[in-house]
């Protein structure tokens, strides 16, 4: 049976439309694809960290998205009824669990971060995680359905971290809350 190019194109377009609709419903980026506002959120977060730690600055931004601290994130979710999830991060218990699940899903495959994300914050891209060089590692970003709120996990030199909430205010991403924080225990 012979099909025309038009038929093949129509099938592909329909298939792509279905895939795009499914991705919108799930509100989860396919791993390996950097979507929309992710670079702006990463850059805003890096700049916030630089300003907040000016007296003892971080030097490196880890070269790819990273979620190695997922067990720490998961353990920080042991009690999602904590005040910091509800009041600071604006999440109900089920929303907090869903957000962490989405973070785990989108971070299944890391994506590279570009130097232009690090430069405005005074950071360089680093390939190694060396606590003596004070590094920042960031996860992929999860957005709410309106794309006005974003959450990502941030790891500071493997010693501390949190899920950060950023809100888009007047077209700019601003850090608004720290929730689900963790501190690595010294063994």
Protein backbone atom coordinates (compact mmCIF):
# COMPACT_ATOMS: atom_id res chain seq x y z
CA UNK A 1 0.00 0.00 0.00
CA UNK A 2 1.41 3.36 -1.01
CA UNK A 3 0.94 6.46 1.15
CA UNK A 4 1.47 10.02 0.06
CA UNK A 5 3.84 12.46 1.71
CA UNK A 6 0.80 14.49 2.77
CA UNK A 7 -0.67 11.49 4.63
CA UNK A 8 2.64 10.80 6.39
CA UNK A 9 2.98 14.45 7.33
CA UNK A 10 -0.58 14.50 8.68
CA UNK A 11 0.06 11.39 10.81
CA UNK A 12 3.32 12.84 12.15
CA UNK A 13 1.65 16.18 12.91
CA UNK A 14 -1.20 14.42 14.71
CA UNK A 15 1.26 12.29 16.64
CA UNK A 16 3.32 15.32 17.62
CA UNK A 17 0.16 17.20 18.62
CA UNK A 18 -0.85 14.32 20.89
CA UNK A 19 2.61 14.17 22.43
CA UNK A 20 2.64 17.94 22.99
CA UNK A 21 -0.81 17.82 24.59
CA UNK A 22 0.27 14.99 26.88
CA UNK A 23 3.36 16.94 27.95
CA UNK A 24 1.20 19.98 28.72
CA UNK A 25 -1.21 17.91 30.80
CA UNK A 26 1.65 16.34 32.72
CA UNK A 27 3.40 19.73 33.08
CA UNK A 28 6.69 17.86 33.05
CA UNK A 29 9.44 18.53 30.56
CA UNK A 30 10.88 15.58 28.72
CA UNK A 31 14.27 14.95 30.31
CA UNK A 32 17.09 16.28 28.07
CA UNK A 33 14.95 19.17 26.76
CA UNK A 34 15.45 22.56 28.34
CA UNK A 35 12.09 24.24 28.27
CA UNK A 36 10.94 27.85 28.21
CA UNK A 37 11.79 29.61 31.42
CA UNK A 38 14.24 27.09 32.90
CA UNK A 39 17.39 29.08 32.01
CA UNK A 40 15.89 32.26 33.49
CA UNK A 41 15.03 30.42 36.72
CA UNK A 42 18.54 28.92 36.97
CA UNK A 43 20.15 32.30 36.36
CA UNK A 44 17.92 34.05 38.93
CA UNK A 45 18.75 31.34 41.50
CA UNK A 46 22.51 31.60 40.85
CA UNK A 47 22.36 35.38 41.21
CA UNK A 48 20.40 35.11 44.46
CA UNK A 49 22.95 32.65 45.89
CA UNK A 50 25.80 34.96 44.89
CA UNK A 51 24.14 37.98 46.60
CA UNK A 52 23.18 35.98 49.68
CA UNK A 53 26.72 34.62 50.12
CA UNK A 54 28.79 37.67 49.19
CA UNK A 55 30.99 37.42 52.30
CA UNK A 56 31.92 33.81 51.51
CA UNK A 57 31.15 33.42 47.81
CA UNK A 58 30.52 30.28 45.83
CA UNK A 59 32.94 29.92 42.91
CA UNK A 60 31.46 27.25 40.64
CA UNK A 61 28.16 26.27 39.08
CA UNK A 62 28.13 22.53 38.47
CA UNK A 63 28.18 21.96 34.69
CA UNK A 64 24.90 20.06 34.46
CA UNK A 65 21.63 19.78 36.27
CA UNK A 66 22.01 17.48 39.20
CA UNK A 67 19.69 15.68 41.54
CA UNK A 68 22.19 13.48 43.37
CA UNK A 69 20.82 14.88 46.58
CA UNK A 70 17.43 13.29 45.78
CA UNK A 71 17.64 11.04 48.88
CA UNK A 72 18.12 14.19 50.95
CA UNK A 73 15.13 15.81 49.24
CA UNK A 74 13.06 12.70 49.83
CA UNK A 75 14.06 12.54 53.48
CA UNK A 76 13.21 16.22 53.85
CA UNK A 77 9.72 15.25 52.67
CA UNK A 78 9.32 12.80 55.56
CA UNK A 79 6.86 15.26 57.11
CA UNK A 80 5.23 17.30 54.32
CA UNK A 81 2.87 18.81 56.88
CA UNK A 82 5.74 20.89 58.19
CA UNK A 83 5.06 24.62 58.36
CA UNK A 84 7.71 25.40 55.77
CA UNK A 85 5.89 23.48 53.04
CA UNK A 86 2.48 24.94 53.73
CA UNK A 87 3.32 28.49 54.76
CA UNK A 88 6.62 29.17 53.01
CA UNK A 89 6.27 27.14 49.85
CA UNK A 90 2.50 27.46 49.50
CA UNK A 91 1.96 23.73 49.07
CA UNK A 92 -0.53 21.36 50.59
CA UNK A 93 0.67 17.91 51.65
CA UNK A 94 -0.42 16.34 48.36
CA UNK A 95 0.99 19.25 46.32
CA UNK A 96 4.35 18.95 48.12
CA UNK A 97 4.51 15.22 47.36
CA UNK A 98 3.50 15.83 43.72
CA UNK A 99 6.14 18.54 43.31
CA UNK A 100 8.91 16.29 44.64
CA UNK A 101 7.72 13.47 42.36
CA UNK A 102 7.84 15.86 39.39
CA UNK A 103 11.34 16.99 40.39
CA UNK A 104 12.47 13.37 40.47
CA UNK A 105 10.87 12.70 37.07
CA UNK A 106 12.33 15.67 35.21
CA UNK A 107 15.74 15.08 36.72
CA UNK A 108 16.03 11.51 35.50
CA UNK A 109 18.45 12.70 32.82
CA UNK A 110 20.75 15.70 33.40
CA UNK A 111 21.08 18.58 30.94
CA UNK A 112 24.15 20.82 30.51
CA UNK A 113 24.21 24.34 31.93
CA UNK A 114 25.79 27.09 29.88
CA UNK A 115 28.48 29.53 30.97
CA UNK A 116 26.11 32.45 30.31
CA UNK A 117 23.98 31.27 33.25
CA UNK A 118 26.94 31.37 35.61
CA UNK A 119 28.66 34.60 34.51
CA UNK A 120 26.11 37.15 35.79
CA UNK A 121 26.40 35.60 39.25
CA UNK A 122 30.22 35.71 39.14
CA UNK A 123 30.46 31.93 38.89
CA UNK A 124 32.36 29.68 36.52
CA UNK A 125 31.15 26.34 35.19
CA UNK A 126 32.82 23.50 37.07
CA UNK A 127 33.10 19.83 36.12
CA UNK A 128 33.94 18.57 39.61
CA UNK A 129 32.20 18.89 42.91
CA UNK A 130 34.91 20.03 45.26
CA UNK A 131 33.60 21.44 48.57
CA UNK A 132 36.81 23.45 48.94
CA UNK A 133 35.96 25.32 45.75
CA UNK A 134 32.38 26.03 47.01
CA UNK A 135 30.02 24.97 44.28
CA UNK A 136 26.33 25.30 43.52
CA UNK A 137 24.42 22.43 41.88
CA UNK A 138 20.87 22.94 40.67
CA UNK A 139 18.19 20.52 39.52
CA UNK A 140 15.77 20.83 36.64
CA UNK A 141 12.80 23.10 37.29
CA UNK A 142 9.15 22.23 37.93
CA UNK A 143 6.60 24.92 37.09
CA UNK A 144 3.03 25.36 38.23
CA UNK A 145 0.37 25.30 35.47
CA UNK A 146 0.43 29.12 35.17
CA UNK A 147 4.25 29.25 34.79
CA UNK A 148 4.32 31.92 37.51
CA UNK A 149 5.82 29.69 40.25
CA UNK A 150 8.84 27.41 39.96
CA UNK A 151 10.55 24.92 42.25
CA UNK A 152 14.03 23.44 42.01
CA UNK A 153 16.46 21.67 44.30
CA UNK A 154 19.70 23.48 45.11
CA UNK A 155 22.77 21.82 46.59
CA UNK A 156 25.47 24.02 48.13
CA UNK A 157 28.82 22.22 48.20
CA UNK A 158 27.20 18.94 49.20
CA UNK A 159 26.71 20.24 52.73
CA UNK A 160 23.33 21.92 52.64
CA UNK A 161 20.47 22.54 50.28
CA UNK A 162 16.78 23.00 49.84
CA UNK A 163 13.93 23.12 47.44
CA UNK A 164 13.64 26.73 46.39
CA UNK A 165 10.49 28.45 45.22
CA UNK A 166 10.77 31.29 42.75
CA UNK A 167 7.89 33.47 41.63
CA UNK A 168 7.69 35.53 38.48
CA UNK A 169 7.09 39.12 39.53
CA UNK A 170 6.94 41.89 36.94
CA UNK A 171 8.48 39.54 34.37
CA UNK A 172 11.48 38.60 36.56
CA UNK A 173 12.07 35.42 38.57
CA UNK A 174 12.61 36.10 42.29
CA UNK A 175 13.35 33.66 45.10
CA UNK A 176 10.39 33.72 47.44
CA UNK A 177 10.81 30.70 49.69
CA UNK A 178 13.14 27.97 50.88
CA UNK A 179 11.38 24.75 51.77
CA UNK A 180 12.31 21.15 52.30
CA UNK A 181 15.78 22.12 53.47
CA UNK A 182 18.44 19.64 54.39
CA UNK A 183 21.80 19.64 56.07
CA UNK A 184 24.14 16.75 55.41
CA UNK A 185 25.15 15.08 58.62
CA UNK A 186 28.83 14.71 59.33
CA UNK A 187 29.72 11.06 59.88
